[in-house]
Amino acid sequence: MVAVRLSFAAMANGAESDSPRPRGGANGAETAVELTIVTLRFDTTDPGALLAVLSKYVVLTRMEPGCRNVDLCSSYTHPGRYLLIQKWDSPEAQRRHFDSPVMVEMATSCNGLLAAAPDIDLWDGPSAHDLR
């Protein structure tokens, strides 16, 4: 649990953009959007148990304020590897989530299920905006 939170904090320091990316509004006007994308990669020797933990986490995270979407993917080439892809309205919404009870419960539930610490990364998404 602590490793997950500390790893993100280390990456996020200085990683924010000073200028939000523009997005077209309903009337064609540009509106500012700060999109934050985070990936969490998990490797396990107990796929069934980890899949149960991550599936619950995805459902609960999608209800969190500022969450645009969370996808759970499993690797065809690396059995036992799972990837979460999260999109957040802003860096602040994403940080609040990483300190939330939902995240803490997921991290705690991963105890004994992971082959290594999760790999967490913060991404810029120049083409990841909704096509509306």
Protein backbone atom coordinates (compact mmCIF):
# COMPACT_ATOMS: atom_id res chain seq x y z
CA MET A 1 0.00 0.00 0.00
CA VAL A 2 2.64 2.52 0.97
CA ALA A 3 4.79 1.64 -2.06
CA VAL A 4 1.91 2.42 -4.41
CA ARG A 5 1.26 5.83 -2.86
CA LEU A 6 4.93 6.78 -2.60
CA SER A 7 5.67 5.70 -6.17
CA PHE A 8 2.95 7.97 -7.53
CA ALA A 9 3.99 10.89 -5.34
CA ALA A 10 7.54 10.66 -6.64
CA MET A 11 6.38 10.63 -10.27
CA ALA A 12 3.84 13.39 -9.87
CA ASN A 13 6.29 15.94 -8.44
CA GLY A 14 6.97 18.32 -11.28
CA ALA A 15 5.05 16.21 -13.80
CA GLU A 16 2.09 18.56 -14.13
CA SER A 17 1.64 20.71 -17.18
CA ASP A 18 1.30 24.46 -16.59
CA SER A 19 -1.17 24.80 -19.44
CA PRO A 20 -4.23 22.60 -19.88
CA ARG A 21 -4.83 21.16 -23.33
CA PRO A 22 -7.66 22.73 -25.36
CA ARG A 23 -10.78 20.84 -26.31
CA GLY A 24 -13.64 21.84 -28.58
CA GLY A 25 -16.88 22.67 -26.79
CA ALA A 26 -20.44 22.04 -27.97
CA ASN A 27 -20.52 25.30 -29.93
CA GLY A 28 -17.04 24.80 -31.40
CA ALA A 29 -15.35 27.10 -28.85
CA GLU A 30 -12.18 25.90 -27.18
CA THR A 31 -12.51 24.92 -23.51
CA ALA A 32 -9.63 24.00 -21.22
CA VAL A 33 -9.36 20.39 -20.06
CA GLU A 34 -6.71 18.93 -17.83
CA LEU A 35 -6.64 15.22 -18.56
CA THR A 36 -4.57 12.99 -16.29
CA ILE A 37 -3.80 9.42 -17.36
CA VAL A 38 -2.29 6.86 -15.00
CA THR A 39 -1.43 3.22 -15.63
CA LEU A 40 -0.90 0.57 -12.97
CA ARG A 41 0.65 -2.74 -14.04
CA PHE A 42 0.37 -5.78 -11.78
CA ASP A 43 2.10 -9.15 -12.10
CA THR A 44 0.71 -12.04 -10.06
CA THR A 45 1.02 -15.76 -9.51
CA ASP A 46 -2.66 -15.91 -8.44
CA PRO A 47 -4.63 -14.42 -11.35
CA GLY A 48 -8.06 -15.38 -10.01
CA ALA A 49 -7.56 -13.67 -6.68
CA LEU A 50 -6.00 -10.53 -8.19
CA LEU A 51 -8.68 -10.29 -10.86
CA ALA A 52 -11.36 -10.26 -8.14
CA VAL A 53 -9.57 -7.43 -6.30
CA LEU A 54 -9.00 -5.35 -9.44
CA SER A 55 -12.53 -5.89 -10.79
CA LYS A 56 -14.04 -4.52 -7.58
CA TYR A 57 -11.58 -1.63 -7.64
CA VAL A 58 -12.56 -0.70 -11.22
CA VAL A 59 -16.28 -0.59 -10.40
CA LEU A 60 -15.75 1.57 -7.29
CA THR A 61 -13.20 3.86 -8.96
CA ARG A 62 -15.55 4.63 -11.84
CA MET A 63 -17.87 6.20 -9.23
CA GLU A 64 -15.14 8.48 -7.81
CA PRO A 65 -15.44 12.25 -8.43
CA GLY A 66 -13.37 13.30 -11.43
CA CYS A 67 -12.98 9.79 -12.87
CA ARG A 68 -13.55 9.74 -16.63
CA ASN A 69 -12.87 6.02 -17.05
CA VAL A 70 -10.91 3.03 -15.81
CA ASP A 71 -10.11 0.03 -17.99
CA LEU A 72 -8.81 -3.33 -16.80
CA CYS A 73 -6.77 -5.28 -19.35
CA SER A 74 -5.05 -8.67 -19.16
CA SER A 75 -1.96 -9.53 -21.15
CA TYR A 76 -2.00 -12.27 -23.77
CA THR A 77 1.80 -12.33 -23.92
CA HIS A 78 2.49 -12.30 -20.15
CA PRO A 79 0.06 -14.57 -18.26
CA GLY A 80 -0.73 -13.14 -14.84
CA ARG A 81 -0.13 -9.52 -15.91
CA TYR A 82 -2.93 -6.96 -15.57
CA LEU A 83 -3.03 -3.30 -16.56
CA LEU A 84 -5.32 -0.58 -15.22
CA ILE A 85 -5.68 2.52 -17.38
CA GLN A 86 -7.24 5.47 -15.59
CA LYS A 87 -8.38 8.81 -17.02
CA TRP A 88 -9.08 11.69 -14.64
CA ASP A 89 -10.49 15.19 -15.13
CA SER A 90 -7.49 16.76 -13.41
CA PRO A 91 -4.30 15.99 -11.52
CA GLU A 92 -6.08 16.99 -8.31
CA ALA A 93 -8.91 14.47 -8.84
CA GLN A 94 -6.37 11.74 -9.50
CA ARG A 95 -4.32 12.59 -6.39
CA ARG A 96 -7.45 12.62 -4.21
CA HIS A 97 -8.27 9.16 -5.52
CA PHE A 98 -4.80 7.79 -4.69
CA ASP A 99 -5.41 8.82 -1.05
CA SER A 100 -9.00 7.52 -1.03
CA PRO A 101 -10.36 4.52 0.88
CA VAL A 102 -11.04 2.78 -2.48
CA MET A 103 -7.34 2.92 -3.44
CA VAL A 104 -6.14 1.98 0.04
CA GLU A 105 -8.49 -1.03 0.14
CA MET A 106 -7.29 -2.23 -3.26
CA ALA A 107 -3.63 -1.84 -2.31
CA THR A 108 -4.17 -3.66 0.99
CA SER A 109 -6.08 -6.45 -0.74
CA CYS A 110 -3.09 -7.01 -3.07
CA ASN A 111 -0.92 -8.12 -0.13
CA GLY A 112 0.42 -11.59 -0.92
CA LEU A 113 -0.97 -11.59 -4.48
CA LEU A 114 1.72 -9.72 -6.39
CA ALA A 115 4.94 -11.13 -7.84
CA ALA A 116 6.54 -7.65 -7.59
CA ALA A 117 5.59 -4.09 -6.71
CA PRO A 118 3.12 -2.60 -9.20
CA ASP A 119 4.53 -0.45 -11.97
CA ILE A 120 2.79 2.94 -11.87
CA ASP A 121 3.19 5.55 -14.58
CA LEU A 122 1.81 9.03 -15.29
CA TRP A 123 1.07 9.80 -18.96
CA ASP A 124 0.45 12.77 -21.21
CA GLY A 125 -2.45 12.05 -23.57
CA PRO A 126 -2.26 14.38 -26.55
CA SER A 127 -4.87 12.36 -28.45
CA ALA A 128 -6.73 10.79 -25.51
CA HIS A 129 -9.61 13.27 -25.37
CA ASP A 130 -13.20 12.28 -25.96
CA LEU A 131 -14.34 12.74 -29.54
CA ARG A 132 -17.39 14.90 -28.93
